[in-house]
Amino acid sequence: MGVGLLLALIILLAVMGITQIISLANASEQVLVANYNSLDYSRNMLKALDEYGIEKDALKKIEQHLIAQEKNITEIGEDEMTESLRVHYDQLLTSPGDTMVLKGFRKDLNDIMKINLDAIERKSKVATQAADQAILLIPATGALCFMIAFILLFNLPGNIANPIKELTDSIKQIASEKYSERVHFEGHNEFGELAQSFNVMAKKLEEYNNSNLARIMIEKKRIDMLINNMHDPVIGLDENKQVIFVNEEALKIFGAKEPEILGHAAQDIAVTNDLMRLLIKDLITGEPRVGDQVPIKIYANGKESFSKRNHSDPYHPYRRSNKDRHW
């Protein structure tokens, strides 16, 4: 949205520039109109002067155009010429047939016309140069701004979105306990600072995880050693009834190997193992069999043994008894 707004502002700037140039051209045209008016007033006064002595209202026409010219002075020196024209006009009123006055009047009109013609030519050249420069400058500037905005429109979102995507993927890796994940953003901008902070966090998590993992592995080895050294069969289930440890004695009475038991769900093992099915029956149904003393026959190491329910410990439904060789 920000880049799109930038593009809209550039287009607006170009439109405003063109509008201003057009306004400048219109203003120049208004100035030229004043010069054309002076030429028109002078031409009409010359025409009325030619009619002097023929038409009665010739002097009246000259008076009207002279007053208009006095209100339309735009060039340097034009006011002195107009004042001289007024003087000769007044003399013409007092001396109607004086040829010198008529000659001076014509000379003043020619001077006014020449100064306005020179002004029109000069202003036309300036206006043409300004228009040509504007025609070249404004499209070139507009094209350059458009190219910059077009490049930003395609690159800037990626420069923002790509680091965010990379950071998101790295966060997912950290959430998956892959603490060796790192992000690498070049530069010293906000993304660089964010990457540095993220890497520090990931390093701390990796160190913490490694220290905990090492401690857990040591404890696990100790527990495994203790369990394997026990003469009683021992099997451990987690909250999902999945076998998390089993010793050699238990494997013997189950008649299975460790890969067939360890890491598997007790329900799955019970499908093919009658002993496991009997052991976890209470755990599956959730209803303890109080008073149940039905013995279970177990074959291990070529010997036959029996087991019966021990209700003193709900977590160990079957426990060995040396007195009656029961399990």
Protein backbone atom coordinates (compact mmCIF):
# COMPACT_ATOMS: atom_id res chain seq x y z
CA MET A 1 0.00 0.00 0.00
CA GLY A 2 2.86 2.37 0.78
CA VAL A 3 4.55 1.77 -2.55
CA GLY A 4 1.24 2.09 -4.36
CA LEU A 5 0.66 5.40 -2.61
CA LEU A 6 4.14 6.52 -3.66
CA LEU A 7 3.32 5.66 -7.26
CA ALA A 8 0.05 7.58 -7.02
CA LEU A 9 1.87 10.62 -5.60
CA ILE A 10 4.40 10.56 -8.42
CA ILE A 11 1.61 10.45 -11.00
CA LEU A 12 -0.13 13.27 -9.17
CA LEU A 13 3.12 15.25 -9.15
CA ALA A 14 3.48 14.81 -12.90
CA VAL A 15 -0.12 15.90 -13.49
CA MET A 16 0.37 18.95 -11.28
CA GLY A 17 3.58 19.85 -13.12
CA ILE A 18 1.84 19.69 -16.48
CA THR A 19 -1.01 21.75 -15.09
CA GLN A 20 1.39 24.38 -13.81
CA ILE A 21 3.14 24.58 -17.18
CA ILE A 22 -0.20 25.04 -18.88
CA SER A 23 -1.06 27.77 -16.39
CA LEU A 24 2.28 29.46 -17.07
CA ALA A 25 1.61 29.29 -20.78
CA ASN A 26 -1.81 30.81 -20.25
CA ALA A 27 -0.28 33.61 -18.17
CA SER A 28 2.26 34.32 -20.90
CA GLU A 29 -0.55 34.41 -23.41
CA GLN A 30 -2.34 36.99 -21.28
CA VAL A 31 0.80 39.15 -21.34
CA LEU A 32 1.00 38.81 -25.11
CA VAL A 33 -2.65 39.84 -25.36
CA ALA A 34 -1.73 43.22 -23.86
CA ASN A 35 0.90 43.72 -26.59
CA TYR A 36 -1.57 42.74 -29.26
CA ASN A 37 -4.06 45.23 -27.81
CA SER A 38 -1.49 48.03 -28.02
CA LEU A 39 -0.87 47.12 -31.65
CA ASP A 40 -4.59 47.09 -32.34
CA TYR A 41 -5.09 50.49 -30.66
CA SER A 42 -2.21 51.98 -32.66
CA ARG A 43 -3.50 50.54 -35.93
CA ASN A 44 -6.99 51.92 -35.31
CA MET A 45 -5.57 55.35 -34.47
CA LEU A 46 -3.56 55.33 -37.72
CA LYS A 47 -6.67 54.38 -39.61
CA ALA A 48 -8.68 57.14 -37.96
CA LEU A 49 -5.82 59.58 -38.65
CA ASP A 50 -6.02 58.69 -42.36
CA GLU A 51 -9.74 59.49 -42.19
CA TYR A 52 -9.01 62.84 -40.50
CA GLY A 53 -10.58 65.60 -42.52
CA ILE A 54 -12.89 63.17 -44.26
CA GLU A 55 -15.03 61.88 -41.43
CA LYS A 56 -16.28 64.12 -38.66
CA ASP A 57 -15.85 61.51 -35.85
CA ALA A 58 -12.22 60.66 -36.74
CA LEU A 59 -10.83 62.62 -33.77
CA LYS A 60 -13.39 61.00 -31.50
CA LYS A 61 -12.18 57.53 -32.56
CA ILE A 62 -8.58 58.59 -31.96
CA GLU A 63 -9.53 59.81 -28.48
CA GLN A 64 -11.20 56.48 -27.60
CA HIS A 65 -8.23 54.34 -28.68
CA LEU A 66 -5.76 56.73 -27.04
CA ILE A 67 -7.54 56.41 -23.69
CA ALA A 68 -7.47 52.58 -24.06
CA GLN A 69 -3.76 52.69 -24.88
CA GLU A 70 -3.03 54.80 -21.81
CA LYS A 71 -4.56 52.02 -19.70
CA ASN A 72 -2.62 49.25 -21.47
CA ILE A 73 1.03 50.20 -20.95
CA THR A 74 3.15 47.06 -20.38
CA GLU A 75 6.63 47.70 -21.82
CA ILE A 76 9.52 49.87 -20.64
CA GLY A 77 9.47 53.26 -22.44
CA GLU A 78 5.94 52.77 -23.67
CA ASP A 79 4.56 55.25 -21.15
CA GLU A 80 6.81 58.09 -22.50
CA MET A 81 5.69 57.29 -26.04
CA THR A 82 2.06 57.35 -24.99
CA GLU A 83 2.52 60.71 -23.22
CA SER A 84 4.12 62.13 -26.39
CA LEU A 85 1.15 60.75 -28.34
CA ARG A 86 -1.21 62.60 -25.99
CA VAL A 87 0.71 65.86 -26.47
CA HIS A 88 0.55 65.57 -30.25
CA TYR A 89 -3.14 64.77 -30.07
CA ASP A 90 -3.80 67.90 -28.00
CA GLN A 91 -1.80 69.93 -30.51
CA LEU A 92 -3.84 68.39 -33.30
CA LEU A 93 -6.99 69.68 -31.64
CA THR A 94 -5.63 73.22 -31.51
CA SER A 95 -3.86 73.10 -34.91
CA PRO A 96 -5.87 70.71 -37.12
CA GLY A 97 -3.90 71.33 -40.31
CA ASP A 98 -0.36 71.36 -38.86
CA THR A 99 1.63 68.77 -40.81
CA MET A 100 4.41 68.65 -38.21
CA VAL A 101 1.91 67.65 -35.56
CA LEU A 102 0.51 64.91 -37.83
CA LYS A 103 4.01 63.69 -38.57
CA GLY A 104 4.90 63.58 -34.86
CA PHE A 105 1.63 61.77 -34.09
CA ARG A 106 2.40 59.11 -36.70
CA LYS A 107 5.94 58.71 -35.38
CA ASP A 108 4.66 58.10 -31.85
CA LEU A 109 2.23 55.46 -33.10
CA ASN A 110 5.01 53.71 -35.06
CA ASP A 111 7.26 53.74 -31.99
CA ILE A 112 4.51 52.20 -29.83
CA MET A 113 3.85 49.53 -32.45
CA LYS A 114 7.57 48.72 -32.79
CA ILE A 115 8.17 48.35 -29.06
CA ASN A 116 5.17 46.01 -28.75
CA LEU A 117 6.23 43.97 -31.78
CA ASP A 118 9.72 43.57 -30.31
CA ALA A 119 8.15 42.53 -27.00
CA ILE A 120 5.95 39.96 -28.73
CA GLU A 121 8.93 38.46 -30.54
CA ARG A 122 11.04 38.37 -27.38
CA LYS A 123 8.27 36.85 -25.24
CA SER A 124 7.42 34.35 -27.94
CA LYS A 125 11.01 33.07 -27.97
CA VAL A 126 11.07 32.82 -24.18
CA ALA A 127 7.71 31.07 -24.10
CA THR A 128 8.80 28.66 -26.83
CA GLN A 129 12.02 27.81 -24.98
CA ALA A 130 10.17 27.29 -21.71
CA ALA A 131 7.58 25.11 -23.42
CA ASP A 132 10.24 23.00 -25.15
CA GLN A 133 12.14 22.58 -21.89
CA ALA A 134 8.98 21.62 -20.03
CA ILE A 135 8.01 19.14 -22.74
CA LEU A 136 11.36 17.40 -22.33
CA LEU A 137 11.80 17.75 -18.57
CA ILE A 138 8.37 16.72 -17.32
CA PRO A 139 8.07 13.44 -19.30
CA ALA A 140 11.69 12.55 -18.48
CA THR A 141 11.11 13.20 -14.77
CA GLY A 142 7.82 11.36 -14.86
CA ALA A 143 9.40 8.36 -16.60
CA LEU A 144 12.26 8.26 -14.10
CA CYS A 145 9.89 8.43 -11.14
CA PHE A 146 7.70 5.76 -12.68
CA MET A 147 10.69 3.45 -13.17
CA ILE A 148 11.80 3.96 -9.57
CA ALA A 149 8.30 3.35 -8.25
CA PHE A 150 7.91 0.31 -10.51
CA ILE A 151 11.17 -1.18 -9.20
CA LEU A 152 10.14 -0.46 -5.60
CA LEU A 153 6.75 -1.98 -6.22
CA PHE A 154 8.34 -5.33 -7.10
CA ASN A 155 11.45 -5.32 -4.89
CA LEU A 156 10.48 -3.59 -1.67
CA PRO A 157 7.70 -6.02 -0.66
CA GLY A 158 10.11 -8.91 -1.23
CA ASN A 159 12.79 -7.22 0.84
CA ILE A 160 10.30 -7.09 3.70
CA ALA A 161 8.43 -10.36 3.18
CA ASN A 162 11.43 -12.63 2.52
CA PRO A 163 13.19 -11.98 5.85
CA ILE A 164 9.87 -12.38 7.66
CA LYS A 165 9.27 -15.70 5.88
CA GLU A 166 12.79 -16.88 6.71
CA LEU A 167 12.33 -15.85 10.33
CA THR A 168 8.97 -17.64 10.46
CA ASP A 169 10.52 -20.84 9.09
CA SER A 170 13.33 -20.59 11.65
CA ILE A 171 10.82 -20.14 14.47
CA LYS A 172 9.03 -23.28 13.29
CA GLN A 173 12.35 -25.13 13.36
CA ILE A 174 12.98 -23.93 16.92
CA ALA A 175 9.44 -25.01 17.86
CA SER A 176 10.34 -28.46 16.49
CA GLU A 177 13.30 -28.50 18.93
CA LYS A 178 15.89 -27.98 16.19
CA TYR A 179 17.86 -25.50 18.23
CA SER A 180 20.79 -25.40 15.82
CA GLU A 181 18.72 -23.25 13.45
CA ARG A 182 20.13 -19.78 12.70
CA VAL A 183 19.05 -16.84 10.56
CA HIS A 184 21.44 -14.71 8.54
CA PHE A 185 20.28 -11.23 7.51
CA GLU A 186 22.85 -8.93 5.97
CA GLY A 187 23.10 -5.31 6.98
CA HIS A 188 22.67 -3.40 10.20
CA ASN A 189 19.00 -2.54 9.83
CA GLU A 190 16.11 -3.72 11.98
CA PHE A 191 16.18 -7.18 10.39
CA GLY A 192 19.88 -7.51 11.21
CA GLU A 193 19.22 -6.67 14.86
CA LEU A 194 16.29 -9.09 14.88
CA ALA A 195 18.48 -11.86 13.42
CA GLN A 196 21.16 -11.23 16.03
CA SER A 197 18.63 -11.43 18.87
CA PHE A 198 17.07 -14.57 17.39
CA ASN A 199 20.46 -16.28 17.04
CA VAL A 200 21.35 -15.44 20.64
CA MET A 201 18.03 -16.94 21.79
CA ALA A 202 18.56 -20.07 19.67
CA LYS A 203 22.09 -20.51 21.01
CA LYS A 204 20.88 -20.27 24.62
CA LEU A 205 18.12 -22.78 23.91
CA GLU A 206 20.60 -25.13 22.26
CA GLU A 207 22.95 -24.91 25.23
CA TYR A 208 20.10 -25.44 27.68
CA ASN A 209 18.74 -28.35 25.67
CA ASN A 210 22.17 -29.99 25.40
CA SER A 211 22.79 -29.68 29.12
CA ASN A 212 19.35 -31.09 29.97
CA LEU A 213 19.67 -33.81 27.36
CA ALA A 214 23.03 -34.89 28.74
CA ARG A 215 21.63 -35.00 32.27
CA ILE A 216 18.57 -36.90 31.11
CA MET A 217 20.71 -39.42 29.22
CA ILE A 218 22.85 -40.01 32.30
CA GLU A 219 19.76 -40.56 34.42
CA LYS A 220 18.28 -42.86 31.80
CA LYS A 221 21.42 -44.97 31.67
CA ARG A 222 21.41 -45.21 35.46
CA ILE A 223 17.75 -46.28 35.54
CA ASP A 224 18.30 -48.78 32.73
CA MET A 225 21.24 -50.25 34.62
CA LEU A 226 19.21 -50.57 37.82
CA ILE A 227 16.25 -52.12 36.05
CA ASN A 228 18.38 -54.61 34.13
CA ASN A 229 20.14 -55.67 37.34
CA MET A 230 16.85 -56.45 39.06
CA HIS A 231 15.88 -60.13 39.35
CA ASP A 232 12.17 -59.31 39.11
CA PRO A 233 10.50 -58.68 35.75
CA VAL A 234 9.96 -54.93 35.32
CA ILE A 235 8.07 -53.16 32.54
CA GLY A 236 7.22 -49.44 32.51
CA LEU A 237 4.40 -47.66 30.68
CA ASP A 238 3.93 -43.94 30.13
CA GLU A 239 0.65 -42.03 30.33
CA ASN A 240 -0.22 -43.22 26.81
CA LYS A 241 0.34 -46.88 27.83
CA GLN A 242 3.43 -47.07 25.66
CA VAL A 243 6.34 -49.23 26.85
CA ILE A 244 9.24 -46.98 27.83
CA PHE A 245 11.49 -49.55 29.51
CA VAL A 246 11.65 -53.34 30.03
CA ASN A 247 14.34 -55.54 31.59
CA GLU A 248 15.65 -58.95 30.59
CA GLU A 249 13.54 -60.81 33.13
CA ALA A 250 10.37 -59.32 31.72
CA LEU A 251 11.40 -60.16 28.16
CA LYS A 252 11.87 -63.78 29.21
CA ILE A 253 8.37 -64.17 30.65
CA PHE A 254 6.85 -62.31 27.67
CA GLY A 255 8.77 -64.56 25.30
CA ALA A 256 9.74 -61.60 23.11
CA LYS A 257 12.76 -59.55 22.12
CA GLU A 258 13.33 -55.94 23.19
CA PRO A 259 12.55 -54.33 19.76
CA GLU A 260 9.19 -56.14 19.80
CA ILE A 261 8.23 -54.60 23.16
CA LEU A 262 10.13 -51.35 23.73
CA GLY A 263 8.47 -48.27 22.23
CA HIS A 264 5.28 -50.09 21.31
CA ALA A 265 1.82 -49.48 22.73
CA ALA A 266 0.75 -52.03 25.30
CA GLN A 267 -2.58 -52.48 23.50
CA ASP A 268 -0.76 -53.45 20.29
CA ILE A 269 1.44 -55.93 22.15
CA ALA A 270 -1.60 -57.37 23.91
CA VAL A 271 -3.11 -58.39 20.56
CA THR A 272 -0.51 -61.17 20.21
CA ASN A 273 0.63 -61.59 23.82
CA ASP A 274 -1.78 -63.13 26.32
CA LEU A 275 0.29 -62.12 29.35
CA MET A 276 0.33 -58.45 28.34
CA ARG A 277 -3.39 -58.62 27.69
CA LEU A 278 -4.04 -59.93 31.20
CA LEU A 279 -1.70 -57.41 32.80
CA ILE A 280 -3.24 -54.31 31.21
CA LYS A 281 -6.86 -55.45 31.32
CA ASP A 282 -7.56 -53.34 34.41
CA LEU A 283 -5.79 -50.34 32.88
CA ILE A 284 -7.89 -50.54 29.72
CA THR A 285 -11.27 -51.11 31.38
CA GLY A 286 -10.56 -48.88 34.36
CA GLU A 287 -12.40 -51.28 36.69
CA PRO A 288 -10.13 -53.09 39.23
CA ARG A 289 -10.99 -56.72 39.87
CA VAL A 290 -11.12 -56.75 43.66
CA GLY A 291 -10.72 -60.21 45.16
CA ASP A 292 -9.55 -61.77 41.94
CA GLN A 293 -6.98 -64.42 42.86
CA VAL A 294 -7.07 -66.45 39.63
CA PRO A 295 -3.48 -67.67 39.08
CA ILE A 296 -1.64 -67.21 35.80
CA LYS A 297 0.68 -69.87 34.48
CA ILE A 298 4.01 -68.52 33.19
CA TYR A 299 6.79 -70.41 31.40
CA ALA A 300 10.29 -68.93 31.66
CA ASN A 301 13.75 -70.53 31.53
CA GLY A 302 12.18 -73.95 31.08
CA LYS A 303 10.29 -73.68 34.37
CA GLU A 304 6.63 -73.34 35.10
CA SER A 305 5.50 -70.66 37.55
CA PHE A 306 2.20 -69.24 38.70
CA SER A 307 1.12 -65.71 39.49
CA LYS A 308 -1.78 -64.24 41.38
CA ARG A 309 -3.14 -60.72 41.83
CA ASN A 310 -1.51 -58.58 44.52
CA HIS A 311 -3.95 -55.83 45.55
CA SER A 312 -1.56 -54.05 47.87
CA ASP A 313 0.02 -52.08 45.02
CA PRO A 314 -2.28 -50.97 42.20
CA TYR A 315 0.66 -50.07 40.04
CA HIS A 316 2.12 -53.58 40.26
CA PRO A 317 -0.83 -55.96 39.81
CA TYR A 318 1.46 -59.02 39.84
CA ARG A 319 4.43 -59.38 42.18
CA ARG A 320 6.73 -62.34 42.80
CA SER A 321 6.33 -64.28 46.04
CA ASN A 322 9.23 -66.51 47.10
CA LYS A 323 7.01 -68.40 49.51
CA ASP A 324 4.73 -69.99 46.92
CA ARG A 325 6.82 -69.30 43.73
CA HIS A 326 4.03 -67.06 42.45
CA TRP A 327 4.48 -63.99 40.27
